[in-house]
Protein backbone atom coordinates (compact mmCIF):
# COMPACT_ATOMS: atom_id res chain seq x y z
CA MET A 1 0.00 0.00 0.00
CA PRO A 2 1.44 3.43 -0.87
CA LYS A 3 2.75 5.58 1.97
CA TYR A 4 2.13 9.29 2.37
CA LEU A 5 3.59 11.92 4.69
CA ILE A 6 1.02 14.44 5.88
CA GLN A 7 2.46 17.60 7.42
CA ALA A 8 -0.24 19.50 9.28
CA THR A 9 -0.42 22.90 10.94
CA TYR A 10 -3.37 23.70 13.19
CA THR A 11 -5.32 26.92 12.97
CA ALA A 12 -6.39 28.60 16.23
CA ASP A 13 -9.62 26.58 16.17
CA GLY A 14 -7.68 23.39 15.54
CA LEU A 15 -5.43 24.09 18.51
CA LYS A 16 -8.49 24.57 20.70
CA GLY A 17 -9.53 21.07 19.66
CA VAL A 18 -6.11 19.67 20.58
CA LEU A 19 -6.34 21.35 23.99
CA ARG A 20 -9.78 19.83 24.51
CA ASP A 21 -9.12 16.31 23.13
CA GLY A 22 -5.39 15.94 23.84
CA GLY A 23 -2.80 14.33 21.60
CA THR A 24 -4.23 10.82 21.94
CA GLY A 25 -7.68 12.11 21.03
CA ARG A 26 -6.29 13.59 17.83
CA ARG A 27 -4.45 10.32 17.08
CA GLN A 28 -7.72 8.42 17.44
CA ALA A 29 -9.44 10.85 15.06
CA VAL A 30 -6.63 10.47 12.51
CA ASP A 31 -6.77 6.67 12.86
CA ARG A 32 -10.52 6.73 12.13
CA MET A 33 -9.97 9.01 9.14
CA ALA A 34 -7.37 6.68 7.58
CA GLU A 35 -9.48 3.59 8.28
CA SER A 36 -12.53 5.22 6.68
CA VAL A 37 -10.79 5.17 3.29
CA GLY A 38 -9.21 1.73 3.72
CA GLY A 39 -5.87 2.85 5.14
CA ARG A 40 -3.99 2.93 8.43
CA VAL A 41 -1.74 5.29 10.32
CA GLU A 42 1.80 3.99 10.62
CA GLN A 43 2.99 6.78 12.90
CA MET A 44 1.98 10.22 14.12
CA TYR A 45 4.22 12.75 15.81
CA PHE A 46 3.59 16.20 17.24
CA ALA A 47 6.42 18.70 16.75
CA PHE A 48 7.64 22.16 17.61
CA GLY A 49 7.92 24.74 14.86
CA GLU A 50 5.92 25.62 11.78
CA THR A 51 4.50 22.10 11.39
CA ASP A 52 2.45 20.80 14.32
CA THR A 53 2.09 17.15 13.29
CA TYR A 54 3.76 14.68 10.98
CA VAL A 55 1.69 11.64 10.03
CA ILE A 56 2.91 8.66 8.01
CA VAL A 57 -0.11 6.87 6.62
CA ASP A 58 -0.70 3.88 4.36
CA LEU A 59 -3.55 4.59 1.95
CA PRO A 60 -4.90 2.48 -0.92
CA ASP A 61 -4.09 5.02 -3.66
CA ASN A 62 -3.89 8.66 -4.70
CA VAL A 63 -7.70 8.92 -4.84
CA ALA A 64 -7.93 8.01 -1.14
CA SER A 65 -5.08 10.42 -0.37
CA THR A 66 -6.90 13.19 -2.23
CA ALA A 67 -10.13 12.47 -0.32
CA VAL A 68 -8.22 12.70 2.97
CA GLY A 69 -6.52 15.94 1.94
CA LEU A 70 -9.81 17.50 0.89
CA ALA A 71 -11.52 16.52 4.14
CA ILE A 72 -8.65 17.87 6.23
CA SER A 73 -8.49 21.18 4.36
CA ALA A 74 -12.27 21.62 4.24
CA SER A 75 -12.42 21.43 8.04
CA GLY A 76 -10.74 24.83 8.27
CA ALA A 77 -9.00 23.64 11.45
CA VAL A 78 -5.86 22.38 9.75
CA ARG A 79 -3.58 23.33 6.86
CA ALA A 80 -1.93 20.24 5.41
CA LYS A 81 0.64 19.22 2.81
CA THR A 82 0.93 15.65 1.57
CA ALA A 83 3.98 13.99 0.04
CA VAL A 84 4.06 10.58 -1.63
CA LEU A 85 6.78 8.45 -0.03
CA LEU A 86 8.78 6.05 -2.21
CA THR A 87 10.82 3.07 -1.14
CA PRO A 88 14.42 2.70 -2.33
CA GLU A 89 13.24 -0.25 -4.44
CA GLU A 90 10.65 1.94 -6.18
CA VAL A 91 13.37 4.46 -7.00
CA ASP A 92 15.52 1.61 -8.35
CA GLU A 93 12.63 0.56 -10.58
CA ALA A 94 12.24 4.14 -11.82
CA THR A 95 15.94 4.39 -12.67
CA ARG A 96 15.60 1.35 -14.95
CA MET A 97 12.80 2.92 -17.02
CA ASP A 98 13.69 4.27 -20.44
CA VAL A 99 12.31 7.83 -20.58
CA THR A 100 12.18 9.90 -23.76
CA TYR A 101 12.56 13.57 -22.84
CA ARG A 102 13.77 16.74 -24.51
CA ALA A 103 14.70 19.60 -22.17
CA PRO A 104 13.22 23.03 -22.92
CA GLY A 105 15.36 24.88 -25.43
CA ALA A 106 17.35 21.77 -26.35
């Protein structure tokens, strides 16, 4: 199952929810979200700095990832960025592909 890294920053309203529910309450909510689209949370960390949480999640595909991203953003309580994570073996497979490409201006 593909892995995704979700980097989330809470708005003021989102932080109020964290204060009310605690970190484990948010983890439970994120677990339910991933499970609702056929995925699972591998790990979730809270952090200092610009990003409040880092979540590594296994999701069935990009459609499920898009649905999760839309739901998170539509809440208005969180701003999120999602990155697709690739294994070293997937990168190896990509390096063996024959790609036809002409650079701009070449």
